[in-house]
Amino acid sequence: AIALGGMVQSWLETSGTARMSSQELIHMLNLTVTGNIEAALIRAANE
């Protein structure tokens, strides 16, 4: 929540051509975090 919230706030505070589109940001976030929670929970359970 903190990591994603920070990315959203950073995106909002960026202006002009430096700011990617909302769809691009959604795509980049999805690429970056998909599968990570599932893997982390499995590791925690295995510990």
ModelCIF file with pLDDT and N, C-alpha, C, O atoms, coordinates in Angstrom:
data_MODEL
#
_entry.id   MODEL 
#
_entity.id                         1 
_entity.type                       polymer 
_entity.pdbx_number_of_molecules   1 
#
_entity_poly.entity_id                      1 
_entity_poly.type                           'polypeptide(L)' 
_entity_poly.nstd_linkage                   no 
_entity_poly.nstd_monomer                   no 
_entity_poly.pdbx_seq_one_letter_code       AIALGGMVQSWLETSGTARMSSQELIHMLNLTVTGNIEAALIRAANE 
_entity_poly.pdbx_seq_one_letter_code_can   AIALGGMVQSWLETSGTARMSSQELIHMLNLTVTGNIEAALIRAANE 
_entity_poly.pdbx_strand_id                 A 
#
loop_
_entity_poly_seq.entity_id 
_entity_poly_seq.num 
_entity_poly_seq.mon_id 
_entity_poly_seq.hetero 
1 1  ALA n 
1 2  ILE n 
1 3  ALA n 
1 4  LEU n 
1 5  GLY n 
1 6  GLY n 
1 7  MET n 
1 8  VAL n 
1 9  GLN n 
1 10 SER n 
1 11 TRP n 
1 12 LEU n 
1 13 GLU n 
1 14 THR n 
1 15 SER n 
1 16 GLY n 
1 17 THR n 
1 18 ALA n 
1 19 ARG n 
1 20 MET n 
1 21 SER n 
1 22 SER n 
1 23 GLN n 
1 24 GLU n 
1 25 LEU n 
1 26 ILE n 
1 27 HIS n 
1 28 MET n 
1 29 LEU n 
1 30 ASN n 
1 31 LEU n 
1 32 THR n 
1 33 VAL n 
1 34 THR n 
1 35 GLY n 
1 36 ASN n 
1 37 ILE n 
1 38 GLU n 
1 39 ALA n 
1 40 ALA n 
1 41 LEU n 
1 42 ILE n 
1 43 ARG n 
1 44 ALA n 
1 45 ALA n 
1 46 ASN n 
1 47 GLU n 
#
_struct_asym.id          A 
_struct_asym.entity_id   1 
#
loop_
_ma_qa_metric.id 
_ma_qa_metric.mode 
_ma_qa_metric.name 
_ma_qa_metric.software_group_id 
_ma_qa_metric.type 
1 global pLDDT . pLDDT 
2 local  pLDDT . pLDDT 
#
_ma_qa_metric_global.metric_id      1 
_ma_qa_metric_global.metric_value   86.06 
_ma_qa_metric_global.model_id       1 
_ma_qa_metric_global.ordinal_id     1 
#
loop_
_ma_qa_metric_local.label_asym_id 
_ma_qa_metric_local.label_comp_id 
_ma_qa_metric_local.label_seq_id 
_ma_qa_metric_local.metric_id 
_ma_qa_metric_local.metric_value 
_ma_qa_metric_local.model_id 
_ma_qa_metric_local.ordinal_id 
A ALA 1  2 91.00 1 1  
A ILE 2  2 93.00 1 2  
A ALA 3  2 91.00 1 3  
A LEU 4  2 88.00 1 4  
A GLY 5  2 88.00 1 5  
A GLY 6  2 89.00 1 6  
A MET 7  2 88.00 1 7  
A VAL 8  2 86.00 1 8  
A GLN 9  2 85.00 1 9  
A SER 10 2 86.00 1 10 
A TRP 11 2 86.00 1 11 
A LEU 12 2 83.00 1 12 
A GLU 13 2 81.00 1 13 
A THR 14 2 81.00 1 14 
A SER 15 2 75.00 1 15 
A GLY 16 2 75.00 1 16 
A THR 17 2 77.00 1 17 
A ALA 18 2 77.00 1 18 
A ARG 19 2 79.00 1 19 
A MET 20 2 85.00 1 20 
A SER 21 2 86.00 1 21 
A SER 22 2 84.00 1 22 
A GLN 23 2 86.00 1 23 
A GLU 24 2 89.00 1 24 
A LEU 25 2 86.00 1 25 
A ILE 26 2 84.00 1 26 
A HIS 27 2 85.00 1 27 
A MET 28 2 87.00 1 28 
A LEU 29 2 84.00 1 29 
A ASN 30 2 82.00 1 30 
A LEU 31 2 83.00 1 31 
A THR 32 2 85.00 1 32 
A VAL 33 2 83.00 1 33 
A THR 34 2 80.00 1 34 
A GLY 35 2 84.00 1 35 
A ASN 36 2 88.00 1 36 
A ILE 37 2 88.00 1 37 
A GLU 38 2 88.00 1 38 
A ALA 39 2 91.00 1 39 
A ALA 40 2 93.00 1 40 
A LEU 41 2 92.00 1 41 
A ILE 42 2 93.00 1 42 
A ARG 43 2 95.00 1 43 
A ALA 44 2 93.00 1 44 
A ALA 45 2 93.00 1 45 
A ASN 46 2 91.00 1 46 
A GLU 47 2 88.00 1 47 
#
loop_
_atom_site.group_PDB 
_atom_site.id 
_atom_site.type_symbol 
_atom_site.label_atom_id 
_atom_site.label_alt_id 
_atom_site.label_comp_id 
_atom_site.label_asym_id 
_atom_site.label_entity_id 
_atom_site.label_seq_id 
_atom_site.pdbx_PDB_ins_code 
_atom_site.Cartn_x 
_atom_site.Cartn_y 
_atom_site.Cartn_z 
_atom_site.occupancy 
_atom_site.B_iso_or_equiv 
_atom_site.pdbx_formal_charge 
_atom_site.auth_seq_id 
_atom_site.auth_comp_id 
_atom_site.auth_asym_id 
_atom_site.auth_atom_id 
_atom_site.pdbx_PDB_model_num 
ATOM 1   N N  . ALA A 1 1  ? 0.834  -1.205  0.000   1.00 91.00 ? 1  ALA A N  1 
ATOM 2   C CA . ALA A 1 1  ? 0.000  0.000   0.000   1.00 91.00 ? 1  ALA A CA 1 
ATOM 3   C C  . ALA A 1 1  ? 0.868  1.253   0.000   1.00 91.00 ? 1  ALA A C  1 
ATOM 4   O O  . ALA A 1 1  ? 0.588  2.209   -0.724  1.00 91.00 ? 1  ALA A O  1 
ATOM 5   N N  . ILE A 1 2  ? 1.925  1.246   0.816   1.00 93.00 ? 2  ILE A N  1 
ATOM 6   C CA . ILE A 1 2  ? 2.836  2.394   0.867   1.00 93.00 ? 2  ILE A CA 1 
ATOM 7   C C  . ILE A 1 2  ? 3.594  2.537   -0.452  1.00 93.00 ? 2  ILE A C  1 
ATOM 8   O O  . ILE A 1 2  ? 3.729  3.642   -0.978  1.00 93.00 ? 2  ILE A O  1 
ATOM 9   N N  . ALA A 1 3  ? 4.085  1.427   -0.980  1.00 91.00 ? 3  ALA A N  1 
ATOM 10  C CA . ALA A 1 3  ? 4.860  1.474   -2.225  1.00 91.00 ? 3  ALA A CA 1 
ATOM 11  C C  . ALA A 1 3  ? 4.002  1.958   -3.394  1.00 91.00 ? 3  ALA A C  1 
ATOM 12  O O  . ALA A 1 3  ? 4.411  2.849   -4.138  1.00 91.00 ? 3  ALA A O  1 
ATOM 13  N N  . LEU A 1 4  ? 2.821  1.376   -3.555  1.00 88.00 ? 4  LEU A N  1 
ATOM 14  C CA . LEU A 1 4  ? 1.958  1.760   -4.669  1.00 88.00 ? 4  LEU A CA 1 
ATOM 15  C C  . LEU A 1 4  ? 1.407  3.166   -4.488  1.00 88.00 ? 4  LEU A C  1 
ATOM 16  O O  . LEU A 1 4  ? 1.306  3.932   -5.446  1.00 88.00 ? 4  LEU A O  1 
ATOM 17  N N  . GLY A 1 5  ? 1.048  3.501   -3.236  1.00 88.00 ? 5  GLY A N  1 
ATOM 18  C CA . GLY A 1 5  ? 0.558  4.847   -2.951  1.00 88.00 ? 5  GLY A CA 1 
ATOM 19  C C  . GLY A 1 5  ? 1.605  5.897   -3.256  1.00 88.00 ? 5  GLY A C  1 
ATOM 20  O O  . GLY A 1 5  ? 1.288  6.965   -3.780  1.00 88.00 ? 5  GLY A O  1 
ATOM 21  N N  . GLY A 1 6  ? 2.859  5.596   -2.929  1.00 89.00 ? 6  GLY A N  1 
ATOM 22  C CA . GLY A 1 6  ? 3.955  6.512   -3.224  1.00 89.00 ? 6  GLY A CA 1 
ATOM 23  C C  . GLY A 1 6  ? 4.135  6.719   -4.715  1.00 89.00 ? 6  GLY A C  1 
ATOM 24  O O  . GLY A 1 6  ? 4.407  7.834   -5.160  1.00 89.00 ? 6  GLY A O  1 
ATOM 25  N N  . MET A 1 7  ? 3.986  5.653   -5.492  1.00 88.00 ? 7  MET A N  1 
ATOM 26  C CA . MET A 1 7  ? 4.103  5.766   -6.944  1.00 88.00 ? 7  MET A CA 1 
ATOM 27  C C  . MET A 1 7  ? 2.978  6.624   -7.516  1.00 88.00 ? 7  MET A C  1 
ATOM 28  O O  . MET A 1 7  ? 3.202  7.443   -8.408  1.00 88.00 ? 7  MET A O  1 
ATOM 29  N N  . VAL A 1 8  ? 1.767  6.428   -6.994  1.00 86.00 ? 8  VAL A N  1 
ATOM 30  C CA . VAL A 1 8  ? 0.620  7.216   -7.474  1.00 86.00 ? 8  VAL A CA 1 
ATOM 31  C C  . VAL A 1 8  ? 0.817  8.691   -7.150  1.00 86.00 ? 8  VAL A C  1 
ATOM 32  O O  . VAL A 1 8  ? 0.562  9.552   -7.991  1.00 86.00 ? 8  VAL A O  1 
ATOM 33  N N  . GLN A 1 9  ? 1.271  8.986   -5.933  1.00 85.00 ? 9  GLN A N  1 
ATOM 34  C CA . GLN A 1 9  ? 1.479  10.383  -5.549  1.00 85.00 ? 9  GLN A CA 1 
ATOM 35  C C  . GLN A 1 9  ? 2.588  11.013  -6.384  1.00 85.00 ? 9  GLN A C  1 
ATOM 36  O O  . GLN A 1 9  ? 2.457  12.158  -6.815  1.00 85.00 ? 9  GLN A O  1 
ATOM 37  N N  . SER A 1 10 ? 3.677  10.283  -6.618  1.00 86.00 ? 10 SER A N  1 
ATOM 38  C CA . SER A 1 10 ? 4.769  10.784  -7.445  1.00 86.00 ? 10 SER A CA 1 
ATOM 39  C C  . SER A 1 10 ? 4.273  11.077  -8.850  1.00 86.00 ? 10 SER A C  1 
ATOM 40  O O  . SER A 1 10 ? 4.650  12.086  -9.448  1.00 86.00 ? 10 SER A O  1 
ATOM 41  N N  . TRP A 1 11 ? 3.425  10.197  -9.383  1.00 86.00 ? 11 TRP A N  1 
ATOM 42  C CA . TRP A 1 11 ? 2.861  10.380  -10.725 1.00 86.00 ? 11 TRP A CA 1 
ATOM 43  C C  . TRP A 1 11 ? 2.008  11.645  -10.782 1.00 86.00 ? 11 TRP A C  1 
ATOM 44  O O  . TRP A 1 11 ? 2.085  12.408  -11.745 1.00 86.00 ? 11 TRP A O  1 
ATOM 45  N N  . LEU A 1 12 ? 1.198  11.863  -9.751  1.00 83.00 ? 12 LEU A N  1 
ATOM 46  C CA . LEU A 1 12 ? 0.339  13.044  -9.720  1.00 83.00 ? 12 LEU A CA 1 
ATOM 47  C C  . LEU A 1 12 ? 1.151  14.331  -9.649  1.00 83.00 ? 12 LEU A C  1 
ATOM 48  O O  . LEU A 1 12 ? 0.757  15.349  -10.218 1.00 83.00 ? 12 LEU A O  1 
ATOM 49  N N  . GLU A 1 13 ? 2.275  14.289  -8.957  1.00 81.00 ? 13 GLU A N  1 
ATOM 50  C CA . GLU A 1 13 ? 3.080  15.488  -8.756  1.00 81.00 ? 13 GLU A CA 1 
ATOM 51  C C  . GLU A 1 13 ? 4.016  15.774  -9.923  1.00 81.00 ? 13 GLU A C  1 
ATOM 52  O O  . GLU A 1 13 ? 4.644  16.831  -9.976  1.00 81.00 ? 13 GLU A O  1 
ATOM 53  N N  . THR A 1 14 ? 4.110  14.819  -10.870 1.00 81.00 ? 14 THR A N  1 
ATOM 54  C CA . THR A 1 14 ? 4.922  15.027  -12.069 1.00 81.00 ? 14 THR A CA 1 
ATOM 55  C C  . THR A 1 14 ? 4.054  15.682  -13.135 1.00 81.00 ? 14 THR A C  1 
ATOM 56  O O  . THR A 1 14 ? 2.908  15.281  -13.340 1.00 81.00 ? 14 THR A O  1 
ATOM 57  N N  . SER A 1 15 ? 4.592  16.679  -13.807 1.00 75.00 ? 15 SER A N  1 
ATOM 58  C CA . SER A 1 15 ? 3.792  17.374  -14.804 1.00 75.00 ? 15 SER A CA 1 
ATOM 59  C C  . SER A 1 15 ? 4.482  17.356  -16.165 1.00 75.00 ? 15 SER A C  1 
ATOM 60  O O  . SER A 1 15 ? 5.659  17.015  -16.285 1.00 75.00 ? 15 SER A O  1 
ATOM 61  N N  . GLY A 1 16 ? 3.719  17.730  -17.176 1.00 75.00 ? 16 GLY A N  1 
ATOM 62  C CA . GLY A 1 16 ? 4.269  17.847  -18.529 1.00 75.00 ? 16 GLY A CA 1 
ATOM 63  C C  . GLY A 1 16 ? 4.588  16.513  -19.174 1.00 75.00 ? 16 GLY A C  1 
ATOM 64  O O  . GLY A 1 16 ? 3.992  15.488  -18.842 1.00 75.00 ? 16 GLY A O  1 
ATOM 65  N N  . THR A 1 17 ? 5.535  16.539  -20.098 1.00 77.00 ? 17 THR A N  1 
ATOM 66  C CA . THR A 1 17 ? 5.866  15.344  -20.879 1.00 77.00 ? 17 THR A CA 1 
ATOM 67  C C  . THR A 1 17 ? 6.586  14.292  -20.043 1.00 77.00 ? 17 THR A C  1 
ATOM 68  O O  . THR A 1 17 ? 6.685  13.136  -20.456 1.00 77.00 ? 17 THR A O  1 
ATOM 69  N N  . ALA A 1 18 ? 7.089  14.679  -18.869 1.00 77.00 ? 18 ALA A N  1 
ATOM 70  C CA . ALA A 1 18 ? 7.798  13.717  -18.013 1.00 77.00 ? 18 ALA A CA 1 
ATOM 71  C C  . ALA A 1 18 ? 6.843  12.704  -17.392 1.00 77.00 ? 18 ALA A C  1 
ATOM 72  O O  . ALA A 1 18 ? 7.266  11.637  -16.948 1.00 77.00 ? 18 ALA A O  1 
ATOM 73  N N  . ARG A 1 19 ? 5.548  13.040  -17.361 1.00 79.00 ? 19 ARG A N  1 
ATOM 74  C CA . ARG A 1 19 ? 4.594  12.144  -16.718 1.00 79.00 ? 19 ARG A CA 1 
ATOM 75  C C  . ARG A 1 19 ? 4.037  11.138  -17.716 1.00 79.00 ? 19 ARG A C  1 
ATOM 76  O O  . ARG A 1 19 ? 3.488  11.520  -18.749 1.00 79.00 ? 19 ARG A O  1 
ATOM 77  N N  . MET A 1 20 ? 4.179  9.862   -17.408 1.00 85.00 ? 20 MET A N  1 
ATOM 78  C CA . MET A 1 20 ? 3.627  8.815   -18.263 1.00 85.00 ? 20 MET A CA 1 
ATOM 79  C C  . MET A 1 20 ? 2.104  8.824   -18.157 1.00 85.00 ? 20 MET A C  1 
ATOM 80  O O  . MET A 1 20 ? 1.542  9.400   -17.225 1.00 85.00 ? 20 MET A O  1 
ATOM 81  N N  . SER A 1 21 ? 1.453  8.191   -19.102 1.00 86.00 ? 21 SER A N  1 
ATOM 82  C CA . SER A 1 21 ? -0.007 8.113   -19.059 1.00 86.00 ? 21 SER A CA 1 
ATOM 83  C C  . SER A 1 21 ? -0.435 7.183   -17.929 1.00 86.00 ? 21 SER A C  1 
ATOM 84  O O  . SER A 1 21 ? 0.348  6.359   -17.457 1.00 86.00 ? 21 SER A O  1 
ATOM 85  N N  . SER A 1 22 ? -1.690 7.327   -17.504 1.00 84.00 ? 22 SER A N  1 
ATOM 86  C CA . SER A 1 22 ? -2.190 6.469   -16.428 1.00 84.00 ? 22 SER A CA 1 
ATOM 87  C C  . SER A 1 22 ? -2.173 5.005   -16.853 1.00 84.00 ? 22 SER A C  1 
ATOM 88  O O  . SER A 1 22 ? -1.874 4.132   -16.038 1.00 84.00 ? 22 SER A O  1 
ATOM 89  N N  . GLN A 1 23 ? -2.489 4.724   -18.116 1.00 86.00 ? 23 GLN A N  1 
ATOM 90  C CA . GLN A 1 23 ? -2.483 3.342   -18.589 1.00 86.00 ? 23 GLN A CA 1 
ATOM 91  C C  . GLN A 1 23 ? -1.074 2.755   -18.590 1.00 86.00 ? 23 GLN A C  1 
ATOM 92  O O  . GLN A 1 23 ? -0.880 1.575   -18.296 1.00 86.00 ? 23 GLN A O  1 
ATOM 93  N N  . GLU A 1 24 ? -0.093 3.594   -18.925 1.00 89.00 ? 24 GLU A N  1 
ATOM 94  C CA . GLU A 1 24 ? 1.298  3.122   -18.905 1.00 89.00 ? 24 GLU A CA 1 
ATOM 95  C C  . GLU A 1 24 ? 1.737  2.822   -17.476 1.00 89.00 ? 24 GLU A C  1 
ATOM 96  O O  . GLU A 1 24 ? 2.411  1.822   -17.226 1.00 89.00 ? 24 GLU A O  1 
ATOM 97  N N  . LEU A 1 25 ? 1.357  3.685   -16.543 1.00 86.00 ? 25 LEU A N  1 
ATOM 98  C CA . LEU A 1 25 ? 1.719  3.452   -15.142 1.00 86.00 ? 25 LEU A CA 1 
ATOM 99  C C  . LEU A 1 25 ? 1.060  2.182   -14.623 1.00 86.00 ? 25 LEU A C  1 
ATOM 100 O O  . LEU A 1 25 ? 1.712  1.380   -13.954 1.00 86.00 ? 25 LEU A O  1 
ATOM 101 N N  . ILE A 1 26 ? -0.209 1.988   -14.918 1.00 84.00 ? 26 ILE A N  1 
ATOM 102 C CA . ILE A 1 26 ? -0.917 0.770   -14.508 1.00 84.00 ? 26 ILE A CA 1 
ATOM 103 C C  . ILE A 1 26 ? -0.187 -0.463  -15.061 1.00 84.00 ? 26 ILE A C  1 
ATOM 104 O O  . ILE A 1 26 ? 0.019  -1.447  -14.350 1.00 84.00 ? 26 ILE A O  1 
ATOM 105 N N  . HIS A 1 27 ? 0.200  -0.390  -16.346 1.00 85.00 ? 27 HIS A N  1 
ATOM 106 C CA . HIS A 1 27 ? 0.898  -1.516  -16.973 1.00 85.00 ? 27 HIS A CA 1 
ATOM 107 C C  . HIS A 1 27 ? 2.234  -1.790  -16.291 1.00 85.00 ? 27 HIS A C  1 
ATOM 108 O O  . HIS A 1 27 ? 2.575  -2.943  -16.030 1.00 85.00 ? 27 HIS A O  1 
ATOM 109 N N  . MET A 1 28 ? 2.993  -0.726  -16.002 1.00 87.00 ? 28 MET A N  1 
ATOM 110 C CA . MET A 1 28 ? 4.305  -0.882  -15.374 1.00 87.00 ? 28 MET A CA 1 
ATOM 111 C C  . MET A 1 28 ? 4.176  -1.457  -13.961 1.00 87.00 ? 28 MET A C  1 
ATOM 112 O O  . MET A 1 28 ? 4.963  -2.314  -13.561 1.00 87.00 ? 28 MET A O  1 
ATOM 113 N N  . LEU A 1 29 ? 3.184  -0.983  -13.210 1.00 84.00 ? 29 LEU A N  1 
ATOM 114 C CA . LEU A 1 29 ? 2.968  -1.507  -11.863 1.00 84.00 ? 29 LEU A CA 1 
ATOM 115 C C  . LEU A 1 29 ? 2.567  -2.973  -11.914 1.00 84.00 ? 29 LEU A C  1 
ATOM 116 O O  . LEU A 1 29 ? 3.027  -3.785  -11.111 1.00 84.00 ? 29 LEU A O  1 
ATOM 117 N N  . ASN A 1 30 ? 1.705  -3.301  -12.867 1.00 82.00 ? 30 ASN A N  1 
ATOM 118 C CA . ASN A 1 30 ? 1.248  -4.690  -12.998 1.00 82.00 ? 30 ASN A CA 1 
ATOM 119 C C  . ASN A 1 30 ? 2.415  -5.613  -13.336 1.00 82.00 ? 30 ASN A C  1 
ATOM 120 O O  . ASN A 1 30 ? 2.527  -6.707  -12.783 1.00 82.00 ? 30 ASN A O  1 
ATOM 121 N N  . LEU A 1 31 ? 3.280  -5.172  -14.244 1.00 83.00 ? 31 LEU A N  1 
ATOM 122 C CA . LEU A 1 31 ? 4.460  -5.965  -14.604 1.00 83.00 ? 31 LEU A CA 1 
ATOM 123 C C  . LEU A 1 31 ? 5.378  -6.173  -13.410 1.00 83.00 ? 31 LEU A C  1 
ATOM 124 O O  . LEU A 1 31 ? 5.958  -7.245  -13.238 1.00 83.00 ? 31 LEU A O  1 
ATOM 125 N N  . THR A 1 32 ? 5.504  -5.139  -12.590 1.00 85.00 ? 32 THR A N  1 
ATOM 126 C CA . THR A 1 32 ? 6.472  -5.146  -11.497 1.00 85.00 ? 32 THR A CA 1 
ATOM 127 C C  . THR A 1 32 ? 6.046  -6.007  -10.322 1.00 85.00 ? 32 THR A C  1 
ATOM 128 O O  . THR A 1 32 ? 6.878  -6.689  -9.723  1.00 85.00 ? 32 THR A O  1 
ATOM 129 N N  . VAL A 1 33 ? 4.746  -5.988  -9.979  1.00 83.00 ? 33 VAL A N  1 
ATOM 130 C CA . VAL A 1 33 ? 4.348  -6.623  -8.725  1.00 83.00 ? 33 VAL A CA 1 
ATOM 131 C C  . VAL A 1 33 ? 3.544  -7.907  -8.862  1.00 83.00 ? 33 VAL A C  1 
ATOM 132 O O  . VAL A 1 33 ? 3.364  -8.622  -7.877  1.00 83.00 ? 33 VAL A O  1 
ATOM 133 N N  . THR A 1 34 ? 3.054  -8.218  -10.066 1.00 80.00 ? 34 THR A N  1 
ATOM 134 C CA . THR A 1 34 ? 2.241  -9.428  -10.217 1.00 80.00 ? 34 THR A CA 1 
ATOM 135 C C  . THR A 1 34 ? 3.013  -10.674 -9.797  1.00 80.00 ? 34 THR A C  1 
ATOM 136 O O  . THR A 1 34 ? 4.141  -10.893 -10.238 1.00 80.00 ? 34 THR A O  1 
ATOM 137 N N  . GLY A 1 35 ? 2.405  -11.479 -8.952  1.00 84.00 ? 35 GLY A N  1 
ATOM 138 C CA . GLY A 1 35 ? 3.005  -12.729 -8.490  1.00 84.00 ? 35 GLY A CA 1 
ATOM 139 C C  . GLY A 1 35 ? 3.832  -12.592 -7.230  1.00 84.00 ? 35 GLY A C  1 
ATOM 140 O O  . GLY A 1 35 ? 4.156  -13.594 -6.593  1.00 84.00 ? 35 GLY A O  1 
ATOM 141 N N  . ASN A 1 36 ? 4.182  -11.365 -6.857  1.00 88.00 ? 36 ASN A N  1 
ATOM 142 C CA . ASN A 1 36 ? 5.086  -11.177 -5.721  1.00 88.00 ? 36 ASN A CA 1 
ATOM 143 C C  . ASN A 1 36 ? 4.441  -11.516 -4.382  1.00 88.00 ? 36 ASN A C  1 
ATOM 144 O O  . ASN A 1 36 ? 5.084  -12.111 -3.517  1.00 88.00 ? 36 ASN A O  1 
ATOM 145 N N  . ILE A 1 37 ? 3.190  -11.145 -4.208  1.00 88.00 ? 37 ILE A N  1 
ATOM 146 C CA . ILE A 1 37 ? 2.525  -11.442 -2.928  1.00 88.00 ? 37 ILE A CA 1 
ATOM 147 C C  . ILE A 1 37 ? 2.366  -12.945 -2.759  1.00 88.00 ? 37 ILE A C  1 
ATOM 148 O O  . ILE A 1 37 ? 2.646  -13.494 -1.694  1.00 88.00 ? 37 ILE A O  1 
ATOM 149 N N  . GLU A 1 38 ? 1.922  -13.595 -3.807  1.00 88.00 ? 38 GLU A N  1 
ATOM 150 C CA . GLU A 1 38 ? 1.738  -15.047 -3.733  1.00 88.00 ? 38 GLU A CA 1 
ATOM 151 C C  . GLU A 1 38 ? 3.049  -15.737 -3.366  1.00 88.00 ? 38 GLU A C  1 
ATOM 152 O O  . GLU A 1 38 ? 3.071  -16.616 -2.504  1.00 88.00 ? 38 GLU A O  1 
ATOM 153 N N  . ALA A 1 39 ? 4.143  -15.339 -4.019  1.00 91.00 ? 39 ALA A N  1 
ATOM 154 C CA . ALA A 1 39 ? 5.450  -15.946 -3.751  1.00 91.00 ? 39 ALA A CA 1 
ATOM 155 C C  . ALA A 1 39 ? 5.902  -15.666 -2.317  1.00 91.00 ? 39 ALA A C  1 
ATOM 156 O O  . ALA A 1 39 ? 6.451  -16.545 -1.652  1.00 91.00 ? 39 ALA A O  1 
ATOM 157 N N  . ALA A 1 40 ? 5.672  -14.443 -1.847  1.00 93.00 ? 40 ALA A N  1 
ATOM 158 C CA . ALA A 1 40 ? 6.088  -14.075 -0.493  1.00 93.00 ? 40 ALA A CA 1 
ATOM 159 C C  . ALA A 1 40 ? 5.304  -14.855 0.559   1.00 93.00 ? 40 ALA A C  1 
ATOM 160 O O  . ALA A 1 40 ? 5.870  -15.286 1.563   1.00 93.00 ? 40 ALA A O  1 
ATOM 161 N N  . LEU A 1 41 ? 4.016  -15.036 0.335   1.00 92.00 ? 41 LEU A N  1 
ATOM 162 C CA . LEU A 1 41 ? 3.197  -15.786 1.288   1.00 92.00 ? 41 LEU A CA 1 
ATOM 163 C C  . LEU A 1 41 ? 3.615  -17.255 1.351   1.00 92.00 ? 41 LEU A C  1 
ATOM 164 O O  . LEU A 1 41 ? 3.618  -17.869 2.418   1.00 92.00 ? 41 LEU A O  1 
ATOM 165 N N  . ILE A 1 42 ? 3.963  -17.798 0.200   1.00 93.00 ? 42 ILE A N  1 
ATOM 166 C CA . ILE A 1 42 ? 4.421  -19.197 0.167   1.00 93.00 ? 42 ILE A CA 1 
ATOM 167 C C  . ILE A 1 42 ? 5.730  -19.332 0.928   1.00 93.00 ? 42 ILE A C  1 
ATOM 168 O O  . ILE A 1 42 ? 5.919  -20.283 1.686   1.00 93.00 ? 42 ILE A O  1 
ATOM 169 N N  . ARG A 1 43 ? 6.640  -18.372 0.725   1.00 95.00 ? 43 ARG A N  1 
ATOM 170 C CA . ARG A 1 43 ? 7.921  -18.408 1.464   1.00 95.00 ? 43 ARG A CA 1 
ATOM 171 C C  . ARG A 1 43 ? 7.678  -18.286 2.966   1.00 95.00 ? 43 ARG A C  1 
ATOM 172 O O  . ARG A 1 43 ? 8.316  -18.984 3.755   1.00 95.00 ? 43 ARG A O  1 
ATOM 173 N N  . ALA A 1 44 ? 6.764  -17.408 3.364   1.00 93.00 ? 44 ALA A N  1 
ATOM 174 C CA . ALA A 1 44 ? 6.472  -17.225 4.789   1.00 93.00 ? 44 ALA A CA 1 
ATOM 175 C C  . ALA A 1 44 ? 5.898  -18.507 5.396   1.00 93.00 ? 44 ALA A C  1 
ATOM 176 O O  . ALA A 1 44 ? 6.235  -18.882 6.519   1.00 93.00 ? 44 ALA A O  1 
ATOM 177 N N  . ALA A 1 45 ? 5.041  -19.157 4.647   1.00 93.00 ? 45 ALA A N  1 
ATOM 178 C CA . ALA A 1 45 ? 4.450  -20.408 5.136   1.00 93.00 ? 45 ALA A CA 1 
ATOM 179 C C  . ALA A 1 45 ? 5.511  -21.514 5.233   1.00 93.00 ? 45 ALA A C  1 
ATOM 180 O O  . ALA A 1 45 ? 5.517  -22.294 6.185   1.00 93.00 ? 45 ALA A O  1 
ATOM 181 N N  . ASN A 1 46 ? 6.399  -21.570 4.245   1.00 91.00 ? 46 ASN A N  1 
ATOM 182 C CA . ASN A 1 46 ? 7.445  -22.608 4.239   1.00 91.00 ? 46 ASN A CA 1 
ATOM 183 C C  . ASN A 1 46 ? 8.433  -22.422 5.379   1.00 91.00 ? 46 ASN A C  1 
ATOM 184 O O  . ASN A 1 46 ? 9.007  -23.394 5.872   1.00 91.00 ? 46 ASN A O  1 
ATOM 185 N N  . GLU A 1 47 ? 8.636  -21.161 5.807   1.00 88.00 ? 47 GLU A N  1 
ATOM 186 C CA . GLU A 1 47 ? 9.560  -20.885 6.910   1.00 88.00 ? 47 GLU A CA 1 
ATOM 187 C C  . GLU A 1 47 ? 9.093  -21.538 8.217   1.00 88.00 ? 47 GLU A C  1 
ATOM 188 O O  . GLU A 1 47 ? 9.757  -21.405 9.245   1.00 88.00 ? 47 GLU A O  1 
#
